[in-house]
N, C-alpha and C. Protein backbone atom coordinates (compact mmCIF):
# COMPACT_ATOMS: atom_id res chain seq x y z
N UNK A 1 -28.85 0.97 -8.08
CA UNK A 1 -27.88 1.41 -7.06
C UNK A 1 -26.57 1.80 -7.74
N UNK A 2 -26.00 2.91 -7.32
CA UNK A 2 -24.74 3.38 -7.88
C UNK A 2 -23.59 2.51 -7.41
N UNK A 3 -22.72 2.15 -8.32
CA UNK A 3 -21.54 1.35 -7.98
C UNK A 3 -20.53 2.26 -7.27
N UNK A 4 -20.17 1.97 -6.01
CA UNK A 4 -19.24 2.85 -5.28
C UNK A 4 -17.78 2.64 -5.63
N UNK A 5 -17.52 1.64 -6.48
CA UNK A 5 -16.12 1.36 -6.81
C UNK A 5 -15.56 2.44 -7.73
N UNK A 6 -14.33 2.87 -7.42
CA UNK A 6 -13.59 3.75 -8.29
C UNK A 6 -12.69 2.92 -9.20
N UNK A 7 -12.36 3.48 -10.36
CA UNK A 7 -11.53 2.77 -11.33
C UNK A 7 -10.34 3.64 -11.72
N UNK A 8 -9.15 3.11 -11.54
CA UNK A 8 -7.92 3.82 -11.91
C UNK A 8 -7.31 3.11 -13.10
N UNK A 9 -7.34 3.72 -14.29
CA UNK A 9 -6.85 3.04 -15.50
C UNK A 9 -5.41 2.53 -15.36
N UNK A 10 -4.58 3.26 -14.64
CA UNK A 10 -3.18 2.84 -14.51
C UNK A 10 -3.04 1.50 -13.80
N UNK A 11 -4.02 1.15 -12.97
CA UNK A 11 -3.92 -0.10 -12.22
C UNK A 11 -3.83 -1.30 -13.14
N UNK A 12 -4.63 -1.31 -14.17
CA UNK A 12 -4.61 -2.44 -15.10
C UNK A 12 -3.27 -2.58 -15.79
N UNK A 13 -2.58 -1.45 -15.98
CA UNK A 13 -1.29 -1.49 -16.67
C UNK A 13 -0.15 -1.88 -15.74
N UNK A 14 -0.24 -1.48 -14.47
CA UNK A 14 0.94 -1.68 -13.62
C UNK A 14 0.82 -2.79 -12.59
N UNK A 15 -0.37 -3.34 -12.40
CA UNK A 15 -0.55 -4.28 -11.29
C UNK A 15 0.27 -5.57 -11.46
N UNK A 16 0.40 -6.06 -12.68
CA UNK A 16 1.16 -7.29 -12.86
C UNK A 16 2.66 -7.07 -12.70
N UNK A 17 3.24 -6.01 -13.30
CA UNK A 17 4.66 -5.76 -13.04
C UNK A 17 4.96 -5.53 -11.56
N UNK A 18 4.05 -4.83 -10.85
CA UNK A 18 4.26 -4.62 -9.42
C UNK A 18 4.17 -5.94 -8.67
N UNK A 19 3.19 -6.75 -9.01
CA UNK A 19 3.04 -8.05 -8.34
C UNK A 19 4.28 -8.91 -8.52
N UNK A 20 4.89 -8.84 -9.69
CA UNK A 20 6.11 -9.62 -9.92
C UNK A 20 7.19 -9.25 -8.90
N UNK A 21 7.30 -7.96 -8.56
CA UNK A 21 8.28 -7.51 -7.57
C UNK A 21 7.84 -7.93 -6.17
N UNK A 22 6.56 -7.75 -5.86
CA UNK A 22 6.07 -8.08 -4.53
C UNK A 22 6.27 -9.57 -4.20
N UNK A 23 6.10 -10.41 -5.19
CA UNK A 23 6.31 -11.85 -4.95
C UNK A 23 7.73 -12.12 -4.44
N UNK A 24 8.67 -11.30 -4.85
CA UNK A 24 10.08 -11.52 -4.50
C UNK A 24 10.46 -10.90 -3.16
N UNK A 25 9.77 -9.85 -2.76
CA UNK A 25 10.25 -9.10 -1.59
C UNK A 25 9.37 -9.24 -0.36
N UNK A 26 8.08 -9.59 -0.52
CA UNK A 26 7.21 -9.68 0.64
C UNK A 26 7.49 -10.96 1.43
N UNK A 27 7.23 -10.93 2.73
CA UNK A 27 7.41 -12.16 3.52
C UNK A 27 6.40 -13.22 3.10
N UNK A 28 6.67 -14.46 3.48
CA UNK A 28 5.76 -15.56 3.11
C UNK A 28 4.41 -15.42 3.78
N UNK A 29 4.41 -14.92 5.02
CA UNK A 29 3.17 -14.71 5.76
C UNK A 29 3.29 -13.39 6.52
N UNK A 30 2.17 -12.94 7.08
CA UNK A 30 2.19 -11.72 7.88
C UNK A 30 1.23 -10.68 7.35
N UNK A 31 1.35 -9.48 7.90
CA UNK A 31 0.45 -8.38 7.57
C UNK A 31 1.15 -7.36 6.67
N UNK A 32 0.52 -7.07 5.55
CA UNK A 32 1.02 -6.06 4.62
C UNK A 32 0.12 -4.84 4.72
N UNK A 33 0.69 -3.72 5.12
CA UNK A 33 -0.04 -2.46 5.21
C UNK A 33 0.12 -1.69 3.91
N UNK A 34 -1.01 -1.37 3.28
CA UNK A 34 -0.97 -0.54 2.08
C UNK A 34 -1.36 0.89 2.44
N UNK A 35 -0.46 1.81 2.14
CA UNK A 35 -0.71 3.24 2.37
C UNK A 35 -1.23 3.85 1.06
N UNK A 36 -2.26 4.67 1.19
CA UNK A 36 -2.87 5.34 0.02
C UNK A 36 -3.41 4.31 -0.96
N UNK A 37 -4.38 3.52 -0.50
CA UNK A 37 -4.94 2.45 -1.33
C UNK A 37 -5.71 2.96 -2.53
N UNK A 38 -6.16 4.22 -2.48
CA UNK A 38 -6.87 4.78 -3.63
C UNK A 38 -8.15 4.04 -3.93
N UNK A 39 -8.31 3.59 -5.15
CA UNK A 39 -9.54 2.90 -5.55
C UNK A 39 -9.72 1.57 -4.84
N UNK A 40 -8.62 0.94 -4.42
CA UNK A 40 -8.71 -0.38 -3.81
C UNK A 40 -8.50 -1.52 -4.77
N UNK A 41 -8.26 -1.21 -6.03
CA UNK A 41 -8.08 -2.26 -7.03
C UNK A 41 -6.78 -3.04 -6.80
N UNK A 42 -5.73 -2.33 -6.44
CA UNK A 42 -4.46 -3.02 -6.24
C UNK A 42 -4.55 -4.05 -5.12
N UNK A 43 -5.08 -3.64 -3.98
CA UNK A 43 -5.05 -4.54 -2.83
C UNK A 43 -5.87 -5.80 -3.09
N UNK A 44 -6.97 -5.68 -3.79
CA UNK A 44 -7.76 -6.87 -4.11
C UNK A 44 -7.00 -7.81 -5.04
N UNK A 45 -6.30 -7.22 -5.99
CA UNK A 45 -5.53 -8.03 -6.94
C UNK A 45 -4.38 -8.74 -6.24
N UNK A 46 -3.65 -8.00 -5.39
CA UNK A 46 -2.51 -8.60 -4.71
C UNK A 46 -2.96 -9.66 -3.69
N UNK A 47 -4.05 -9.38 -2.99
CA UNK A 47 -4.53 -10.35 -2.00
C UNK A 47 -4.97 -11.65 -2.64
N UNK A 48 -5.56 -11.57 -3.83
CA UNK A 48 -5.96 -12.79 -4.54
C UNK A 48 -4.75 -13.61 -4.96
N UNK A 49 -3.67 -12.92 -5.34
CA UNK A 49 -2.48 -13.60 -5.82
C UNK A 49 -1.58 -14.11 -4.69
N UNK A 50 -1.74 -13.52 -3.49
CA UNK A 50 -0.86 -13.84 -2.36
C UNK A 50 -1.72 -14.22 -1.15
N UNK A 51 -2.40 -15.36 -1.21
CA UNK A 51 -3.39 -15.70 -0.18
C UNK A 51 -2.82 -15.97 1.21
N UNK A 52 -1.52 -16.22 1.32
CA UNK A 52 -0.93 -16.48 2.64
C UNK A 52 -0.68 -15.20 3.42
N UNK A 53 -0.80 -14.06 2.76
CA UNK A 53 -0.59 -12.77 3.41
C UNK A 53 -1.94 -12.12 3.75
N UNK A 54 -1.95 -11.33 4.81
CA UNK A 54 -3.12 -10.52 5.15
C UNK A 54 -2.82 -9.07 4.78
N UNK A 55 -3.77 -8.41 4.14
CA UNK A 55 -3.57 -7.05 3.66
C UNK A 55 -4.45 -6.07 4.44
N UNK A 56 -3.84 -4.97 4.84
CA UNK A 56 -4.56 -3.89 5.51
C UNK A 56 -4.53 -2.64 4.62
N UNK A 57 -5.62 -2.37 3.89
CA UNK A 57 -5.66 -1.15 3.08
C UNK A 57 -5.94 0.07 3.93
N UNK A 58 -5.53 1.24 3.43
CA UNK A 58 -5.77 2.49 4.14
C UNK A 58 -5.78 3.65 3.15
N UNK A 59 -6.40 4.74 3.55
CA UNK A 59 -6.41 5.95 2.73
C UNK A 59 -6.97 7.09 3.58
N UNK A 60 -6.58 8.33 3.32
CA UNK A 60 -7.18 9.44 4.06
C UNK A 60 -8.54 9.87 3.53
N UNK A 61 -8.88 9.46 2.31
CA UNK A 61 -10.07 9.95 1.62
C UNK A 61 -11.26 9.00 1.82
N UNK A 62 -12.39 9.55 2.20
CA UNK A 62 -13.56 8.72 2.48
C UNK A 62 -14.06 7.98 1.24
N UNK A 63 -14.09 8.64 0.09
CA UNK A 63 -14.54 7.97 -1.13
C UNK A 63 -13.62 6.80 -1.48
N UNK A 64 -12.31 6.97 -1.25
CA UNK A 64 -11.38 5.88 -1.51
C UNK A 64 -11.63 4.71 -0.57
N UNK A 65 -11.94 5.00 0.68
CA UNK A 65 -12.22 3.93 1.64
C UNK A 65 -13.48 3.16 1.23
N UNK A 66 -14.49 3.89 0.79
CA UNK A 66 -15.73 3.23 0.35
C UNK A 66 -15.46 2.36 -0.87
N UNK A 67 -14.68 2.89 -1.82
CA UNK A 67 -14.35 2.12 -3.01
C UNK A 67 -13.54 0.88 -2.66
N UNK A 68 -12.56 1.03 -1.79
CA UNK A 68 -11.73 -0.11 -1.40
C UNK A 68 -12.58 -1.19 -0.74
N UNK A 69 -13.49 -0.78 0.14
CA UNK A 69 -14.37 -1.74 0.79
C UNK A 69 -15.24 -2.47 -0.23
N UNK A 70 -15.68 -1.73 -1.25
CA UNK A 70 -16.52 -2.36 -2.29
C UNK A 70 -15.72 -3.36 -3.11
N UNK A 71 -14.51 -2.98 -3.50
CA UNK A 71 -13.67 -3.92 -4.24
C UNK A 71 -13.35 -5.15 -3.40
N UNK A 72 -13.03 -4.94 -2.13
CA UNK A 72 -12.71 -6.06 -1.25
C UNK A 72 -13.92 -6.96 -1.06
N UNK A 73 -15.09 -6.34 -0.88
CA UNK A 73 -16.30 -7.13 -0.70
C UNK A 73 -16.64 -7.94 -1.93
N UNK A 74 -16.48 -7.35 -3.10
CA UNK A 74 -16.77 -8.08 -4.34
C UNK A 74 -15.82 -9.25 -4.52
N UNK A 75 -14.58 -9.09 -4.04
CA UNK A 75 -13.59 -10.16 -4.22
C UNK A 75 -13.92 -11.40 -3.39
N UNK A 76 -14.60 -11.19 -2.26
CA UNK A 76 -14.91 -12.31 -1.38
C UNK A 76 -13.70 -12.87 -0.65
N UNK A 77 -12.59 -12.14 -0.67
CA UNK A 77 -11.36 -12.64 -0.06
C UNK A 77 -11.37 -12.40 1.45
N UNK A 78 -10.88 -13.40 2.18
CA UNK A 78 -10.85 -13.29 3.64
C UNK A 78 -9.55 -12.66 4.14
N UNK A 79 -8.58 -12.46 3.25
CA UNK A 79 -7.28 -11.94 3.69
C UNK A 79 -7.12 -10.44 3.45
N UNK A 80 -8.25 -9.72 3.31
CA UNK A 80 -8.22 -8.26 3.24
C UNK A 80 -9.01 -7.72 4.42
N UNK A 81 -8.35 -6.96 5.26
CA UNK A 81 -9.02 -6.33 6.39
C UNK A 81 -9.84 -5.14 5.92
N UNK A 82 -10.85 -4.71 6.68
CA UNK A 82 -11.58 -3.50 6.32
C UNK A 82 -10.62 -2.31 6.25
N UNK A 83 -10.78 -1.43 5.27
CA UNK A 83 -9.86 -0.30 5.14
C UNK A 83 -9.98 0.65 6.32
N UNK A 84 -8.86 1.27 6.67
CA UNK A 84 -8.85 2.24 7.77
C UNK A 84 -8.46 3.61 7.23
N UNK A 85 -9.02 4.63 7.87
CA UNK A 85 -8.67 6.00 7.47
C UNK A 85 -7.31 6.33 8.06
N UNK A 86 -6.38 6.68 7.20
CA UNK A 86 -5.00 6.92 7.62
C UNK A 86 -4.40 8.01 6.76
N UNK A 87 -3.95 9.06 7.42
CA UNK A 87 -3.21 10.14 6.76
C UNK A 87 -1.74 9.90 7.04
N UNK A 88 -0.96 9.68 6.01
CA UNK A 88 0.45 9.34 6.20
C UNK A 88 1.20 10.43 6.97
N UNK A 89 0.74 11.67 6.89
CA UNK A 89 1.42 12.77 7.57
C UNK A 89 1.08 12.86 9.05
N UNK A 90 0.10 12.09 9.51
CA UNK A 90 -0.33 12.19 10.90
C UNK A 90 0.74 11.67 11.86
N UNK A 91 0.77 12.25 13.04
CA UNK A 91 1.76 11.83 14.05
C UNK A 91 1.46 10.43 14.57
N UNK A 92 0.20 10.06 14.60
CA UNK A 92 -0.20 8.73 15.07
C UNK A 92 -0.96 8.02 13.96
N UNK A 93 -0.65 6.76 13.76
CA UNK A 93 -1.36 5.93 12.79
C UNK A 93 -2.26 4.93 13.52
N UNK A 94 -3.37 4.52 12.89
CA UNK A 94 -4.26 3.54 13.52
C UNK A 94 -3.77 2.10 13.38
N UNK A 95 -2.62 1.92 12.78
CA UNK A 95 -2.01 0.59 12.65
C UNK A 95 -0.68 0.64 13.40
N UNK A 96 -0.44 -0.35 14.24
CA UNK A 96 0.71 -0.28 15.14
C UNK A 96 1.80 -1.29 14.84
N UNK A 97 1.59 -2.14 13.87
CA UNK A 97 2.65 -3.06 13.44
C UNK A 97 2.32 -3.55 12.04
N UNK A 98 3.35 -3.94 11.31
CA UNK A 98 3.18 -4.48 9.96
C UNK A 98 4.44 -5.25 9.60
N UNK A 99 4.28 -6.27 8.82
CA UNK A 99 5.43 -7.07 8.36
C UNK A 99 5.99 -6.56 7.04
N UNK A 100 5.24 -5.69 6.39
CA UNK A 100 5.68 -5.02 5.16
C UNK A 100 4.74 -3.84 4.93
N UNK A 101 5.24 -2.83 4.25
CA UNK A 101 4.43 -1.67 3.86
C UNK A 101 4.59 -1.45 2.37
N UNK A 102 3.49 -1.23 1.68
CA UNK A 102 3.54 -0.89 0.26
C UNK A 102 2.83 0.44 0.05
N UNK A 103 3.33 1.23 -0.87
CA UNK A 103 2.79 2.57 -1.12
C UNK A 103 2.98 2.87 -2.60
N UNK A 104 1.89 2.89 -3.34
CA UNK A 104 1.93 3.00 -4.80
C UNK A 104 1.36 4.35 -5.22
N UNK A 105 2.16 5.11 -5.95
CA UNK A 105 1.70 6.38 -6.54
C UNK A 105 1.10 7.35 -5.52
N UNK A 106 1.78 7.49 -4.37
CA UNK A 106 1.34 8.49 -3.40
C UNK A 106 2.31 9.66 -3.30
N UNK A 107 3.60 9.38 -3.34
CA UNK A 107 4.59 10.38 -2.93
C UNK A 107 4.53 11.63 -3.81
N UNK A 108 4.23 11.48 -5.07
CA UNK A 108 4.17 12.64 -5.96
C UNK A 108 2.80 13.32 -5.95
N UNK A 109 1.79 12.69 -5.35
CA UNK A 109 0.44 13.26 -5.33
C UNK A 109 0.03 13.48 -3.88
N UNK A 110 0.92 14.09 -3.12
CA UNK A 110 0.66 14.40 -1.72
C UNK A 110 1.70 15.41 -1.27
N UNK A 111 1.43 16.13 -0.19
CA UNK A 111 2.44 17.04 0.35
C UNK A 111 3.66 16.27 0.84
N UNK A 112 4.79 16.94 0.89
CA UNK A 112 6.03 16.32 1.35
C UNK A 112 5.89 15.75 2.76
N UNK A 113 5.02 16.35 3.57
CA UNK A 113 4.80 15.86 4.93
C UNK A 113 4.30 14.42 4.95
N UNK A 114 3.59 14.01 3.90
CA UNK A 114 3.11 12.64 3.84
C UNK A 114 4.28 11.66 3.67
N UNK A 115 5.27 12.04 2.87
CA UNK A 115 6.45 11.20 2.70
C UNK A 115 7.27 11.17 3.99
N UNK A 116 7.37 12.30 4.64
CA UNK A 116 8.08 12.34 5.93
C UNK A 116 7.41 11.40 6.94
N UNK A 117 6.09 11.46 7.01
CA UNK A 117 5.37 10.58 7.92
C UNK A 117 5.50 9.12 7.55
N UNK A 118 5.45 8.83 6.26
CA UNK A 118 5.59 7.46 5.80
C UNK A 118 6.91 6.87 6.25
N UNK A 119 7.98 7.61 6.07
CA UNK A 119 9.30 7.09 6.44
C UNK A 119 9.44 6.94 7.96
N UNK A 120 8.97 7.94 8.69
CA UNK A 120 9.05 7.87 10.14
C UNK A 120 8.31 6.66 10.68
N UNK A 121 7.09 6.47 10.21
CA UNK A 121 6.28 5.35 10.72
C UNK A 121 6.81 4.00 10.23
N UNK A 122 7.33 3.95 9.02
CA UNK A 122 7.92 2.69 8.55
C UNK A 122 9.07 2.29 9.45
N UNK A 123 9.89 3.27 9.86
CA UNK A 123 10.99 2.98 10.76
C UNK A 123 10.52 2.46 12.10
N UNK A 124 9.35 2.92 12.54
CA UNK A 124 8.80 2.49 13.83
C UNK A 124 8.11 1.12 13.73
N UNK A 125 7.31 0.93 12.68
CA UNK A 125 6.42 -0.22 12.61
C UNK A 125 7.09 -1.49 12.11
N UNK A 126 8.01 -1.36 11.19
CA UNK A 126 8.55 -2.55 10.53
C UNK A 126 9.55 -3.28 11.41
N UNK A 127 9.52 -4.61 11.41
CA UNK A 127 10.58 -5.37 12.08
C UNK A 127 11.87 -5.32 11.26
N UNK A 128 12.95 -5.68 11.89
CA UNK A 128 14.25 -5.66 11.21
C UNK A 128 14.19 -6.46 9.91
N UNK A 129 14.69 -5.85 8.84
CA UNK A 129 14.76 -6.53 7.55
C UNK A 129 13.50 -6.46 6.71
N UNK A 130 12.42 -5.95 7.28
CA UNK A 130 11.14 -5.91 6.56
C UNK A 130 11.13 -4.81 5.51
N UNK A 131 10.40 -5.01 4.41
CA UNK A 131 10.45 -4.05 3.30
C UNK A 131 9.40 -2.95 3.36
N UNK A 132 9.81 -1.79 2.86
CA UNK A 132 8.91 -0.71 2.47
C UNK A 132 9.04 -0.61 0.96
N UNK A 133 7.93 -0.84 0.26
CA UNK A 133 7.93 -0.83 -1.20
C UNK A 133 7.22 0.41 -1.72
N UNK A 134 7.90 1.16 -2.57
CA UNK A 134 7.33 2.35 -3.21
C UNK A 134 7.29 2.14 -4.72
N UNK A 135 6.28 2.73 -5.34
CA UNK A 135 6.18 2.68 -6.80
C UNK A 135 5.75 4.05 -7.30
N UNK A 136 6.40 4.49 -8.38
CA UNK A 136 6.02 5.75 -9.00
C UNK A 136 7.18 6.38 -9.73
N UNK A 137 7.00 7.58 -10.27
CA UNK A 137 8.07 8.29 -10.97
C UNK A 137 8.89 9.14 -10.01
N UNK A 138 10.17 9.30 -10.29
CA UNK A 138 11.07 10.09 -9.44
C UNK A 138 12.05 10.87 -10.30
N UNK A 139 12.60 11.90 -9.69
CA UNK A 139 13.75 12.61 -10.27
C UNK A 139 15.02 11.94 -9.76
N UNK A 140 15.98 11.73 -10.67
CA UNK A 140 17.25 11.11 -10.27
C UNK A 140 18.41 11.97 -10.73
N UNK A 141 19.48 12.04 -9.94
CA UNK A 141 20.60 12.91 -10.29
C UNK A 141 21.24 12.49 -11.60
N UNK A 142 21.57 13.48 -12.42
CA UNK A 142 22.24 13.21 -13.67
C UNK A 142 21.34 12.71 -14.77
N UNK A 143 20.04 12.67 -14.53
CA UNK A 143 19.10 12.18 -15.53
C UNK A 143 18.01 13.22 -15.74
N UNK A 144 17.83 13.63 -16.97
CA UNK A 144 16.73 14.53 -17.29
C UNK A 144 15.42 13.76 -17.20
N UNK A 145 14.38 14.45 -16.77
CA UNK A 145 13.07 13.80 -16.74
C UNK A 145 12.62 13.47 -18.16
N UNK A 146 12.03 12.31 -18.32
CA UNK A 146 11.45 11.93 -19.60
C UNK A 146 10.33 12.93 -19.94
N UNK A 147 10.08 13.19 -21.22
CA UNK A 147 9.04 14.16 -21.59
C UNK A 147 7.69 13.88 -20.94
N UNK A 148 7.31 12.61 -20.84
CA UNK A 148 6.01 12.28 -20.24
C UNK A 148 6.00 12.62 -18.76
N UNK A 149 7.10 12.35 -18.05
CA UNK A 149 7.16 12.66 -16.63
C UNK A 149 7.30 14.16 -16.38
N UNK A 150 7.98 14.86 -17.27
CA UNK A 150 8.08 16.31 -17.15
C UNK A 150 6.69 16.94 -17.27
N UNK A 151 5.91 16.50 -18.25
CA UNK A 151 4.56 17.02 -18.42
C UNK A 151 3.68 16.64 -17.23
N UNK A 152 3.87 15.43 -16.72
CA UNK A 152 3.11 14.98 -15.57
C UNK A 152 3.43 15.84 -14.34
N UNK A 153 4.70 16.09 -14.14
CA UNK A 153 5.13 16.91 -13.02
C UNK A 153 4.52 18.30 -13.10
N UNK A 154 4.55 18.89 -14.27
CA UNK A 154 3.99 20.23 -14.44
C UNK A 154 2.48 20.24 -14.17
N UNK A 155 1.79 19.19 -14.60
CA UNK A 155 0.34 19.13 -14.38
C UNK A 155 0.03 18.96 -12.89
N UNK A 156 0.85 18.17 -12.18
CA UNK A 156 0.64 17.99 -10.74
C UNK A 156 0.83 19.30 -10.00
N UNK A 157 1.90 20.02 -10.32
CA UNK A 157 2.20 21.27 -9.62
C UNK A 157 1.15 22.34 -9.94
N UNK A 158 0.57 22.27 -11.13
CA UNK A 158 -0.50 23.21 -11.47
C UNK A 158 -1.76 22.92 -10.65
N UNK A 159 -2.00 21.64 -10.35
CA UNK A 159 -3.16 21.26 -9.54
C UNK A 159 -2.95 21.60 -8.07
N UNK A 160 -1.72 21.40 -7.60
CA UNK A 160 -1.41 21.65 -6.19
C UNK A 160 0.08 21.92 -6.06
N UNK A 161 0.49 23.11 -5.64
CA UNK A 161 1.92 23.42 -5.55
C UNK A 161 2.69 22.51 -4.61
N UNK A 162 2.00 21.81 -3.70
CA UNK A 162 2.67 20.90 -2.77
C UNK A 162 2.92 19.52 -3.38
N UNK A 163 2.41 19.28 -4.58
CA UNK A 163 2.60 18.00 -5.25
C UNK A 163 3.77 18.11 -6.23
N UNK A 164 4.13 16.97 -6.84
CA UNK A 164 5.17 16.95 -7.86
C UNK A 164 6.14 15.81 -7.66
N UNK A 165 6.86 15.48 -8.73
CA UNK A 165 7.83 14.39 -8.66
C UNK A 165 8.96 14.74 -7.71
N UNK A 166 9.29 13.84 -6.83
CA UNK A 166 10.31 14.08 -5.80
C UNK A 166 11.67 13.59 -6.26
N UNK A 167 12.70 14.16 -5.68
CA UNK A 167 14.05 13.66 -5.90
C UNK A 167 14.23 12.37 -5.10
N UNK A 168 14.65 11.32 -5.78
CA UNK A 168 14.84 10.05 -5.10
C UNK A 168 15.86 10.18 -3.97
N UNK A 169 16.87 11.02 -4.17
CA UNK A 169 17.88 11.22 -3.12
C UNK A 169 17.25 11.81 -1.86
N UNK A 170 16.28 12.70 -2.02
CA UNK A 170 15.61 13.29 -0.86
C UNK A 170 14.78 12.25 -0.11
N UNK A 171 14.11 11.40 -0.86
CA UNK A 171 13.32 10.33 -0.25
C UNK A 171 14.25 9.36 0.49
N UNK A 172 15.36 9.01 -0.14
CA UNK A 172 16.32 8.09 0.48
C UNK A 172 16.93 8.68 1.74
N UNK A 173 17.13 10.00 1.76
CA UNK A 173 17.67 10.66 2.96
C UNK A 173 16.69 10.55 4.12
N UNK A 174 15.40 10.74 3.85
CA UNK A 174 14.39 10.56 4.89
C UNK A 174 14.39 9.12 5.40
N UNK A 175 14.50 8.18 4.47
CA UNK A 175 14.50 6.77 4.86
C UNK A 175 15.68 6.47 5.78
N UNK A 176 16.84 6.99 5.44
CA UNK A 176 18.03 6.75 6.26
C UNK A 176 17.84 7.31 7.66
N UNK A 177 17.26 8.50 7.77
CA UNK A 177 17.01 9.12 9.08
C UNK A 177 16.07 8.26 9.92
N UNK A 178 15.17 7.53 9.26
CA UNK A 178 14.18 6.72 9.97
C UNK A 178 14.67 5.30 10.27
N UNK A 179 15.92 5.01 9.90
CA UNK A 179 16.46 3.69 10.19
C UNK A 179 16.29 2.67 9.10
N UNK A 180 16.05 3.14 7.88
CA UNK A 180 15.88 2.24 6.75
C UNK A 180 17.15 2.18 5.92
N UNK A 181 17.27 1.14 5.15
CA UNK A 181 18.44 0.93 4.30
C UNK A 181 18.45 1.89 3.12
N UNK A 182 19.54 1.87 2.38
CA UNK A 182 19.56 2.54 1.09
C UNK A 182 18.60 1.85 0.14
N UNK A 183 18.17 2.56 -0.92
CA UNK A 183 17.14 2.00 -1.79
C UNK A 183 17.68 0.99 -2.80
N UNK A 184 16.88 -0.04 -3.03
CA UNK A 184 17.05 -0.89 -4.21
C UNK A 184 16.09 -0.36 -5.26
N UNK A 185 16.60 -0.02 -6.43
CA UNK A 185 15.80 0.64 -7.46
C UNK A 185 15.66 -0.28 -8.66
N UNK A 186 14.42 -0.49 -9.10
CA UNK A 186 14.13 -1.37 -10.24
C UNK A 186 13.34 -0.57 -11.27
N UNK A 187 13.83 -0.54 -12.48
CA UNK A 187 13.13 0.15 -13.56
C UNK A 187 11.83 -0.56 -13.88
N UNK A 188 10.76 0.21 -14.07
CA UNK A 188 9.44 -0.33 -14.35
C UNK A 188 8.89 0.29 -15.63
N UNK A 189 7.81 -0.26 -16.17
CA UNK A 189 7.23 0.32 -17.39
C UNK A 189 6.77 1.76 -17.19
N UNK A 190 6.64 2.47 -18.29
CA UNK A 190 6.09 3.83 -18.33
C UNK A 190 6.88 4.80 -17.47
N UNK A 191 8.21 4.63 -17.44
CA UNK A 191 9.11 5.55 -16.74
C UNK A 191 8.84 5.64 -15.24
N UNK A 192 8.40 4.54 -14.65
CA UNK A 192 8.21 4.45 -13.22
C UNK A 192 9.33 3.62 -12.60
N UNK A 193 9.41 3.67 -11.27
CA UNK A 193 10.41 2.90 -10.55
C UNK A 193 9.75 2.13 -9.42
N UNK A 194 10.28 0.94 -9.14
CA UNK A 194 10.04 0.28 -7.86
C UNK A 194 11.23 0.62 -6.98
N UNK A 195 10.95 1.10 -5.78
CA UNK A 195 12.00 1.49 -4.84
C UNK A 195 11.76 0.73 -3.55
N UNK A 196 12.74 -0.05 -3.13
CA UNK A 196 12.58 -0.91 -1.96
C UNK A 196 13.58 -0.50 -0.88
N UNK A 197 13.06 -0.17 0.28
CA UNK A 197 13.86 0.07 1.47
C UNK A 197 13.61 -1.08 2.45
N UNK A 198 14.56 -1.35 3.33
CA UNK A 198 14.36 -2.34 4.37
C UNK A 198 14.76 -1.76 5.73
N UNK A 199 14.05 -2.20 6.75
CA UNK A 199 14.39 -1.73 8.11
C UNK A 199 15.74 -2.28 8.52
N UNK A 200 16.66 -1.38 8.83
CA UNK A 200 17.95 -1.79 9.29
C UNK A 200 17.84 -2.42 10.68
N UNK A 201 18.73 -3.35 11.01
CA UNK A 201 18.67 -3.95 12.35
C UNK A 201 18.80 -2.89 13.43
N UNK A 202 18.01 -3.01 14.47
CA UNK A 202 18.07 -2.09 15.60
C UNK A 202 19.17 -2.50 16.57
N UNK A 203 19.85 -1.53 17.08
CA UNK A 203 20.83 -1.79 18.13
C UNK A 203 21.97 -2.68 17.71
């Protein structure tokens, strides 16, 4: 039988540094919605390390959903829900509440509409003070892109003109429009960033 699990080499390199941040920012209990789960390796790793939280993986791609289900099933963990098909750019999401949202390596490998949808829905779904966690490479004002990220950006745009490294200021502007705080930015390995927004109090 063919193994349906997908393998993303970057996961092995970044999962522990990301987990270190998640331990600090996620609530003690509740539901964590993962947008663009990809292979599903991250969610299984985080769920094993954070057993008091329930994780809801999601992805628009059917192969990714199958892989995520396989990784979750192999883990035997009870705190991972079955993955749901979710396009971040869609006007309606199949998840209607979450205590935190995490999104790893999606914003640069998707159309800008996906980031717009992510911010809009985060503003709707998250309770006051709850985090939206992003991970990946970004363009920042006054800083030249590192050679590795410049080459990465060029390769992404060659694959799809709608992809590419985004300006962090543009992402933060969308977040502000959706009712989220300004970003907390943490430098990560391999020229990546952890970017944390929180839902501003309503009313």
